[in-house]
Amino acid sequence: AIVIPSYRAESTLPSVLPRIPAAFWDDGVAIIVNDKSPDGTGEVAERLKNQWPGLDVVHHEANRGYGGAQKTGLRRGLDLGAHVFAVVHADGQYAPEVVLDLMKPIIEGKAQIVQGSRMIGGGALRGGMPYARYIPNRVLTFLENIVFGTQMAEFHSGYMLYSRSLLERAPFEQLQNNYNFDAEMIVVAHLLGMECAQIPIPTRYDDEVSSLDPIPYGINVLKMMARHLGGHYRKLVQTSASFEVRQAA
């Protein structure tokens, strides 16, 4: 399954679907989640649904944020029986063309979580990421690696992929509804003993289509690190594991 969180994406959505490899549609489903977008995103999504067999559309009655849209799409994919999940942005910033390459480690059983990384191989700067965002990204990632005990080239790429087995174990629906959802998934997977595989991706960076406000985002990242130091994510994972044991019993 490909999950496409969509907000103010009426002009970009139609160009994203044709960039998904044709082979994906043989046994895959793409799920557009219209996050109560105030523009024509919902109408565009419905028109695309009529054009693309294998496309599913979900409409939120209230805006739930980027993470909230992901949760809806992931849950929908689980209900449809998907075993591999990729998050593709509706603005086309991350290349849909390479989605099958990123899925490969999960399909082959070599990883449970994968990130398409802009930092490995210098893809971020070549793709036009401004230094005003590149430098904070590097600084925050350095701090996050220390706090979380990880070895990520970056924590802030939104090109994320998950296995069904990870989603069935991770308390993903209890994570934040904002842009920190991706990083929280990396942390939760790490606590479950699943390290994130990192694969370089080509990147097109465009401020005009990015809805992420870097200052509140950076503050939320610092809060996320503080929550981790306070044991928040470890408790979530432990509670989820206890629930699994009770269900099995």
Protein backbone atom coordinates (compact mmCIF):
# COMPACT_ATOMS: atom_id res chain seq x y z
CA ALA A 1 0.00 0.00 0.00
CA ILE A 2 1.02 3.57 -0.67
CA VAL A 3 -0.44 6.12 1.76
CA ILE A 4 -0.75 9.67 0.42
CA PRO A 5 -1.60 12.24 3.15
CA SER A 6 -3.16 15.15 1.26
CA TYR A 7 -3.76 18.74 2.30
CA ARG A 8 -3.98 21.67 -0.12
CA ALA A 9 -2.84 19.31 -2.86
CA GLU A 10 -5.40 19.89 -5.61
CA SER A 11 -2.72 21.10 -8.05
CA THR A 12 -0.10 18.45 -7.30
CA LEU A 13 -2.03 15.20 -6.70
CA PRO A 14 -2.74 14.50 -10.40
CA SER A 15 0.99 14.52 -11.21
CA VAL A 16 1.97 12.15 -8.36
CA LEU A 17 0.04 9.03 -9.38
CA PRO A 18 1.53 8.67 -12.91
CA ARG A 19 5.01 8.73 -11.32
CA ILE A 20 4.30 5.57 -9.31
CA PRO A 21 5.86 2.57 -11.15
CA ALA A 22 3.35 0.66 -13.26
CA ALA A 23 4.36 -2.62 -11.61
CA PHE A 24 3.06 -1.38 -8.26
CA TRP A 25 -0.52 -1.37 -9.48
CA ASP A 26 -0.41 -5.10 -10.26
CA ASP A 27 -1.10 -5.99 -6.62
CA GLY A 28 -0.90 -2.68 -4.76
CA VAL A 29 -3.35 -0.09 -3.53
CA ALA A 30 -2.79 3.64 -3.14
CA ILE A 31 -4.75 5.38 -0.40
CA ILE A 32 -5.31 9.13 -0.62
CA VAL A 33 -6.30 10.64 2.72
CA ASN A 34 -7.94 14.02 2.23
CA ASP A 35 -7.26 15.73 5.56
CA LYS A 36 -10.26 18.09 5.42
CA SER A 37 -8.42 20.22 2.88
CA PRO A 38 -10.08 23.62 2.34
CA ASP A 39 -9.31 23.59 -1.39
CA GLY A 40 -10.43 21.12 -4.06
CA THR A 41 -8.20 18.25 -2.91
CA GLY A 42 -11.19 16.04 -2.09
CA GLU A 43 -12.85 16.59 -5.45
CA VAL A 44 -9.58 15.96 -7.30
CA ALA A 45 -9.04 12.75 -5.32
CA GLU A 46 -12.49 11.47 -6.26
CA ARG A 47 -11.87 12.20 -9.95
CA LEU A 48 -8.57 10.35 -9.76
CA LYS A 49 -10.31 7.40 -8.11
CA ASN A 50 -12.45 7.02 -11.23
CA GLN A 51 -9.32 7.06 -13.41
CA TRP A 52 -7.03 4.76 -11.41
CA PRO A 53 -8.13 1.21 -10.52
CA GLY A 54 -6.49 0.35 -7.21
CA LEU A 55 -6.90 3.86 -5.81
CA ASP A 56 -8.79 4.27 -2.53
CA VAL A 57 -9.85 7.63 -1.08
CA VAL A 58 -10.65 8.49 2.53
CA HIS A 59 -12.02 11.88 3.59
CA HIS A 60 -11.53 13.29 7.09
CA GLU A 61 -14.49 15.20 8.49
CA ALA A 62 -12.05 17.30 10.55
CA ASN A 63 -8.40 18.16 9.99
CA ARG A 64 -6.19 15.74 11.94
CA GLY A 65 -2.75 16.84 10.80
CA TYR A 66 -0.03 15.07 8.84
CA GLY A 67 0.44 12.32 11.40
CA GLY A 68 -3.29 11.89 11.80
CA ALA A 69 -3.69 11.44 8.05
CA GLN A 70 -0.95 8.82 8.07
CA LYS A 71 -2.67 6.91 10.86
CA THR A 72 -5.89 6.77 8.87
CA GLY A 73 -4.10 5.59 5.74
CA LEU A 74 -2.03 2.97 7.57
CA ARG A 75 -5.07 1.62 9.37
CA ARG A 76 -6.98 1.48 6.07
CA GLY A 77 -4.09 -0.40 4.47
CA LEU A 78 -4.01 -2.89 7.33
CA ASP A 79 -7.75 -3.45 6.94
CA LEU A 80 -7.22 -4.08 3.21
CA GLY A 81 -4.59 -6.71 3.96
CA ALA A 82 -1.45 -4.86 2.85
CA HIS A 83 1.91 -6.17 4.07
CA VAL A 84 4.21 -3.32 2.99
CA PHE A 85 3.43 0.38 3.42
CA ALA A 86 5.02 3.47 1.90
CA VAL A 87 4.19 7.09 2.67
CA VAL A 88 4.34 9.24 -0.47
CA HIS A 89 3.75 12.99 -0.21
CA ALA A 90 1.00 14.59 -2.24
CA ASP A 91 3.26 17.46 -3.32
CA GLY A 92 5.66 15.19 -5.24
CA GLN A 93 8.67 16.35 -3.21
CA TYR A 94 9.88 12.77 -2.71
CA ALA A 95 10.23 10.67 -5.86
CA PRO A 96 7.34 8.20 -6.25
CA GLU A 97 9.40 6.59 -9.02
CA VAL A 98 11.64 4.81 -6.47
CA VAL A 99 8.92 3.51 -4.15
CA LEU A 100 9.38 -0.14 -5.20
CA ASP A 101 13.14 0.13 -4.61
CA LEU A 102 12.45 1.38 -1.09
CA MET A 103 9.92 -1.39 -0.48
CA LYS A 104 12.40 -4.08 -1.51
CA PRO A 105 14.19 -4.53 1.88
CA ILE A 106 10.81 -5.10 3.56
CA ILE A 107 9.53 -7.40 0.82
CA GLU A 108 12.73 -9.47 1.10
CA GLY A 109 12.47 -9.61 4.90
CA LYS A 110 15.68 -7.65 5.45
CA ALA A 111 14.06 -4.70 7.27
CA GLN A 112 10.83 -3.76 9.03
CA ILE A 113 11.21 -0.01 8.61
CA VAL A 114 12.90 1.95 5.81
CA GLN A 115 13.61 5.63 5.27
CA GLY A 116 14.33 7.27 1.96
CA SER A 117 17.17 9.54 3.06
CA ARG A 118 17.98 12.90 1.50
CA MET A 119 21.24 13.25 3.42
CA ILE A 120 22.97 10.06 2.29
CA GLY A 121 24.87 10.90 -0.88
CA GLY A 122 24.12 14.63 -0.65
CA GLY A 123 20.67 14.41 -2.18
CA ALA A 124 19.24 17.21 -0.02
CA LEU A 125 21.53 19.97 -1.28
CA ARG A 126 21.40 18.75 -4.87
CA GLY A 127 17.61 18.77 -4.59
CA GLY A 128 17.63 22.41 -3.54
CA MET A 129 17.14 22.24 0.24
CA PRO A 130 17.99 25.72 1.58
CA TYR A 131 20.88 25.90 4.05
CA ALA A 132 18.44 27.53 6.48
CA ARG A 133 16.73 24.16 6.70
CA TYR A 134 19.68 21.89 5.96
CA ILE A 135 21.75 23.08 8.94
CA PRO A 136 18.94 22.78 11.56
CA ASN A 137 18.17 19.33 10.14
CA ARG A 138 21.75 18.23 10.71
CA VAL A 139 21.93 19.75 14.19
CA LEU A 140 18.62 18.24 15.33
CA THR A 141 19.55 14.84 13.91
CA PHE A 142 22.89 14.94 15.76
CA LEU A 143 21.06 15.62 19.03
CA GLU A 144 18.38 13.02 18.32
CA ASN A 145 20.95 10.31 17.64
CA ILE A 146 22.55 11.02 21.02
CA VAL A 147 19.23 11.06 22.89
CA PHE A 148 17.64 8.07 21.13
CA GLY A 149 20.79 5.96 20.73
CA THR A 150 20.30 5.69 16.96
CA GLN A 151 22.56 6.20 13.94
CA MET A 152 20.35 8.05 11.47
CA ALA A 153 21.75 10.23 8.70
CA GLU A 154 18.62 12.30 9.24
CA PHE A 155 15.42 12.03 11.23
CA HIS A 156 13.38 14.37 9.10
CA SER A 157 12.71 12.74 5.76
CA GLY A 158 9.03 12.03 5.21
CA TYR A 159 9.68 9.14 2.82
CA MET A 160 8.94 6.33 5.28
CA LEU A 161 8.09 2.67 4.77
CA TYR A 162 6.79 0.12 7.26
CA SER A 163 6.11 -3.60 7.39
CA ARG A 164 2.78 -4.97 8.52
CA SER A 165 4.51 -6.78 11.40
CA LEU A 166 5.92 -3.46 12.67
CA LEU A 167 2.54 -1.72 12.47
CA GLU A 168 0.89 -4.61 14.30
CA ARG A 169 3.39 -4.25 17.16
CA ALA A 170 3.95 -0.49 17.26
CA PRO A 171 1.43 1.72 19.10
CA PHE A 172 1.39 4.06 16.09
CA GLU A 173 -2.11 5.34 16.72
CA GLN A 174 -0.92 6.76 20.06
CA LEU A 175 1.80 8.87 18.45
CA GLN A 176 1.50 12.55 17.58
CA ASN A 177 -0.71 13.82 14.77
CA ASN A 178 1.87 16.35 13.58
CA TYR A 179 5.05 16.10 11.49
CA ASN A 180 6.90 14.35 14.33
CA PHE A 181 5.01 11.15 13.58
CA ASP A 182 7.78 9.91 11.23
CA ALA A 183 10.56 10.39 13.76
CA GLU A 184 8.45 8.84 16.51
CA MET A 185 7.99 5.74 14.36
CA ILE A 186 11.78 5.46 14.02
CA VAL A 187 12.13 5.73 17.80
CA VAL A 188 9.41 3.16 18.49
CA ALA A 189 10.91 0.73 15.97
CA HIS A 190 14.32 1.21 17.61
CA LEU A 191 12.84 0.38 21.01
CA LEU A 192 11.30 -2.75 19.47
CA GLY A 193 14.76 -3.77 18.24
CA MET A 194 14.15 -2.83 14.60
CA GLU A 195 16.74 -0.45 13.20
CA CYS A 196 15.72 1.78 10.31
CA ALA A 197 17.27 0.92 6.94
CA GLN A 198 18.33 4.07 5.10
CA ILE A 199 18.36 4.32 1.31
CA PRO A 200 19.42 7.45 -0.61
CA ILE A 201 16.72 9.11 -2.69
CA PRO A 202 16.62 11.90 -5.26
CA THR A 203 14.91 14.94 -3.78
CA ARG A 204 13.10 17.92 -5.23
CA TYR A 205 12.75 20.56 -2.57
CA ASP A 206 10.19 23.32 -3.08
CA ASP A 207 9.27 25.82 -0.36
CA GLU A 208 6.11 26.78 -2.22
CA VAL A 209 4.52 23.36 -1.70
CA SER A 210 5.89 22.66 1.78
CA SER A 211 3.37 23.28 4.56
CA LEU A 212 5.86 22.56 7.34
CA ASP A 213 6.67 25.54 9.57
CA PRO A 214 10.29 24.93 10.66
CA ILE A 215 10.22 26.81 14.00
CA PRO A 216 7.23 25.01 15.63
CA TYR A 217 8.53 21.79 14.10
CA GLY A 218 11.95 22.25 15.69
CA ILE A 219 10.37 23.03 19.06
CA ASN A 220 8.28 19.87 18.81
CA VAL A 221 11.42 17.85 18.05
CA LEU A 222 13.02 19.15 21.26
CA LYS A 223 9.85 18.26 23.18
CA MET A 224 9.95 14.79 21.63
CA MET A 225 13.50 14.30 22.90
CA ALA A 226 12.42 15.43 26.36
CA ARG A 227 9.52 12.96 26.32
CA HIS A 228 11.90 10.18 25.40
CA LEU A 229 14.26 11.06 28.25
CA GLY A 230 11.22 10.91 30.54
CA GLY A 231 10.47 7.37 29.38
CA HIS A 232 7.34 8.20 27.36
CA TYR A 233 8.04 6.07 24.29
CA ARG A 234 9.42 3.15 26.27
CA LYS A 235 6.19 3.09 28.30
CA LEU A 236 4.11 3.16 25.11
CA VAL A 237 6.02 0.18 23.72
CA GLN A 238 5.87 -1.74 26.99
CA THR A 239 2.14 -1.12 27.36
CA SER A 240 1.56 -2.24 23.78
CA ALA A 241 3.62 -5.40 24.37
CA SER A 242 1.62 -6.18 27.52
CA PHE A 243 -1.61 -5.77 25.56
CA GLU A 244 -0.32 -8.22 22.92
CA VAL A 245 0.42 -10.78 25.60
CA ARG A 246 -3.06 -10.38 27.12
CA GLN A 247 -4.66 -10.74 23.69
CA ALA A 248 -2.67 -13.90 22.98
CA ALA A 249 -3.70 -15.37 26.34
